[in-house]
Amino acid sequence: GTLAAEAMAGRVRALARLGRHGAVLSAAADYLAAFPGGRGAAEMHRRRGDVFAGRGDCGLAVAEYERVLERWSGSPEAKRARAGIQACAGTSFTDE
């Protein structure tokens, strides 16, 4: 349960630090499949959003960020998700 979830989340964080973005996507997806309502689920969605945003795929990024805002609106991850959405909007649209 909790120990396995934390180990999986730790792996995602380590992969992110190493810049292994493709691995972050799959490891975060594995976490979400195993622990969809887990304590780290908001972070996993936000990290997936960050990878998509970094690749310039704001559509997929915003979808991940919005999942965080829908389910964990008061969390620290929601603040990061809002920043990610704003960053995508800033790079996608010139008429702010």
C-alpha atoms as a PDB file:
ATOM      1  CA  GLY A   1       0.000   0.000   0.000  1.00  0.00           C
ATOM      2  CA  THR A   2       1.561   3.186   1.268  1.00  0.00           C
ATOM      3  CA  LEU A   3       5.166   2.000   1.099  1.00  0.00           C
ATOM      4  CA  ALA A   4       4.776   0.778  -2.478  1.00  0.00           C
ATOM      5  CA  ALA A   5       3.092   4.036  -3.479  1.00  0.00           C
ATOM      6  CA  GLU A   6       5.878   6.099  -1.923  1.00  0.00           C
ATOM      7  CA  ALA A   7       8.534   3.964  -3.628  1.00  0.00           C
ATOM      8  CA  MET A   8       6.861   4.463  -7.000  1.00  0.00           C
ATOM      9  CA  ALA A   9       6.518   8.215  -6.418  1.00  0.00           C
ATOM     10  CA  GLY A  10      10.187   8.385  -5.416  1.00  0.00           C
ATOM     11  CA  ARG A  11      11.143   6.679  -8.660  1.00  0.00           C
ATOM     12  CA  VAL A  12       9.177   9.254 -10.669  1.00  0.00           C
ATOM     13  CA  ARG A  13      10.902  12.097  -8.806  1.00  0.00           C
ATOM     14  CA  ALA A  14      14.330  10.566  -9.411  1.00  0.00           C
ATOM     15  CA  LEU A  15      13.610  10.114 -13.126  1.00  0.00           C
ATOM     16  CA  ALA A  16      12.462  13.748 -13.326  1.00  0.00           C
ATOM     17  CA  ARG A  17      15.699  14.923 -11.678  1.00  0.00           C
ATOM     18  CA  LEU A  18      17.668  12.888 -14.217  1.00  0.00           C
ATOM     19  CA  GLY A  19      15.732  14.468 -17.100  1.00  0.00           C
ATOM     20  CA  ARG A  20      14.348  11.078 -18.219  1.00  0.00           C
ATOM     21  CA  HIS A  21      11.075  12.558 -19.413  1.00  0.00           C
ATOM     22  CA  GLY A  22       9.750   9.565 -21.333  1.00  0.00           C
ATOM     23  CA  ALA A  23      10.380   7.400 -18.287  1.00  0.00           C
ATOM     24  CA  VAL A  24       8.598   9.962 -16.087  1.00  0.00           C
ATOM     25  CA  LEU A  25       5.484   9.654 -18.265  1.00  0.00           C
ATOM     26  CA  SER A  26       5.376   5.868 -18.041  1.00  0.00           C
ATOM     27  CA  ALA A  27       6.343   5.635 -14.353  1.00  0.00           C
ATOM     28  CA  ALA A  28       3.748   8.265 -13.383  1.00  0.00           C
ATOM     29  CA  ALA A  29       1.142   6.399 -15.438  1.00  0.00           C
ATOM     30  CA  ASP A  30       2.086   3.192 -13.594  1.00  0.00           C
ATOM     31  CA  TYR A  31       1.605   4.977 -10.276  1.00  0.00           C
ATOM     32  CA  LEU A  32      -1.787   6.333 -11.327  1.00  0.00           C
ATOM     33  CA  ALA A  33      -2.921   2.896 -12.515  1.00  0.00           C
ATOM     34  CA  ALA A  34      -1.931   1.329  -9.184  1.00  0.00           C
ATOM     35  CA  PHE A  35      -2.972   4.196  -6.870  1.00  0.00           C
ATOM     36  CA  PRO A  36      -5.468   6.449  -8.704  1.00  0.00           C
ATOM     37  CA  GLY A  37      -6.563   8.112  -5.470  1.00  0.00           C
ATOM     38  CA  GLY A  38      -3.200   7.870  -3.765  1.00  0.00           C
ATOM     39  CA  ARG A  39      -1.587  10.693  -1.866  1.00  0.00           C
ATOM     40  CA  GLY A  40       0.831  11.283  -4.751  1.00  0.00           C
ATOM     41  CA  ALA A  41      -1.737  11.184  -7.561  1.00  0.00           C
ATOM     42  CA  ALA A  42      -1.950  14.965  -7.904  1.00  0.00           C
ATOM     43  CA  GLU A  43       1.831  15.182  -8.172  1.00  0.00           C
ATOM     44  CA  MET A  44       1.915  12.410 -10.796  1.00  0.00           C
ATOM     45  CA  HIS A  45      -0.638  14.209 -12.978  1.00  0.00           C
ATOM     46  CA  ARG A  46       1.256  17.487 -12.545  1.00  0.00           C
ATOM     47  CA  ARG A  47       4.588  15.866 -13.429  1.00  0.00           C
ATOM     48  CA  ARG A  48       3.030  14.345 -16.555  1.00  0.00           C
ATOM     49  CA  GLY A  49       1.743  17.821 -17.409  1.00  0.00           C
ATOM     50  CA  ASP A  50       5.233  19.255 -16.965  1.00  0.00           C
ATOM     51  CA  VAL A  51       6.728  16.706 -19.363  1.00  0.00           C
ATOM     52  CA  PHE A  52       4.064  17.384 -21.994  1.00  0.00           C
ATOM     53  CA  ALA A  53       4.529  21.141 -21.571  1.00  0.00           C
ATOM     54  CA  GLY A  54       8.283  20.757 -21.945  1.00  0.00           C
ATOM     55  CA  ARG A  55       7.686  18.961 -25.229  1.00  0.00           C
ATOM     56  CA  GLY A  56       5.452  21.789 -26.428  1.00  0.00           C
ATOM     57  CA  ASP A  57       2.317  19.628 -26.251  1.00  0.00           C
ATOM     58  CA  CYS A  58       0.153  22.050 -24.318  1.00  0.00           C
ATOM     59  CA  GLY A  59      -3.076  20.212 -25.114  1.00  0.00           C
ATOM     60  CA  LEU A  60      -1.969  17.118 -23.208  1.00  0.00           C
ATOM     61  CA  ALA A  61      -0.248  19.241 -20.556  1.00  0.00           C
ATOM     62  CA  VAL A  62      -3.362  21.283 -19.811  1.00  0.00           C
ATOM     63  CA  ALA A  63      -5.479  18.109 -19.651  1.00  0.00           C
ATOM     64  CA  GLU A  64      -3.170  16.734 -16.931  1.00  0.00           C
ATOM     65  CA  TYR A  65      -3.080  20.063 -15.083  1.00  0.00           C
ATOM     66  CA  GLU A  66      -6.885  20.328 -15.190  1.00  0.00           C
ATOM     67  CA  ARG A  67      -7.213  16.897 -13.591  1.00  0.00           C
ATOM     68  CA  VAL A  68      -5.177  18.236 -10.667  1.00  0.00           C
ATOM     69  CA  LEU A  69      -7.381  21.328 -10.386  1.00  0.00           C
ATOM     70  CA  GLU A  70     -10.603  19.280 -10.573  1.00  0.00           C
ATOM     71  CA  ARG A  71      -9.679  16.798  -7.853  1.00  0.00           C
ATOM     72  CA  TRP A  72      -7.133  18.585  -5.646  1.00  0.00           C
ATOM     73  CA  SER A  73      -7.950  22.285  -6.053  1.00  0.00           C
ATOM     74  CA  GLY A  74      -6.572  23.304  -2.651  1.00  0.00           C
ATOM     75  CA  SER A  75      -3.318  21.376  -2.864  1.00  0.00           C
ATOM     76  CA  PRO A  76       0.223  22.670  -3.455  1.00  0.00           C
ATOM     77  CA  GLU A  77       0.150  20.718  -6.736  1.00  0.00           C
ATOM     78  CA  ALA A  78      -2.867  22.776  -7.840  1.00  0.00           C
ATOM     79  CA  LYS A  79      -0.769  25.925  -7.533  1.00  0.00           C
ATOM     80  CA  ARG A  80       1.909  24.335  -9.740  1.00  0.00           C
ATOM     81  CA  ALA A  81      -0.753  23.135 -12.177  1.00  0.00           C
ATOM     82  CA  ARG A  82      -2.200  26.652 -12.489  1.00  0.00           C
ATOM     83  CA  ALA A  83       1.306  27.984 -13.194  1.00  0.00           C
ATOM     84  CA  GLY A  84       1.741  25.292 -15.851  1.00  0.00           C
ATOM     85  CA  ILE A  85      -1.534  26.239 -17.523  1.00  0.00           C
ATOM     86  CA  GLN A  86      -0.515  29.900 -17.532  1.00  0.00           C
ATOM     87  CA  ALA A  87       2.890  29.031 -18.991  1.00  0.00           C
ATOM     88  CA  CYS A  88       1.229  27.031 -21.762  1.00  0.00           C
ATOM     89  CA  ALA A  89      -1.197  29.852 -22.465  1.00  0.00           C
ATOM     90  CA  GLY A  90       1.722  32.259 -22.680  1.00  0.00           C
ATOM     91  CA  THR A  91       3.545  30.122 -25.233  1.00  0.00           C
ATOM     92  CA  SER A  92       0.472  29.136 -27.257  1.00  0.00           C
ATOM     93  CA  PHE A  93      -1.346  32.424 -27.606  1.00  0.00           C
ATOM     94  CA  THR A  94       0.013  35.869 -28.409  1.00  0.00           C
ATOM     95  CA  ASP A  95      -3.182  37.875 -27.747  1.00  0.00           C
ATOM     96  CA  GLU A  96      -3.376  37.856 -23.951  1.00  0.00           C
END
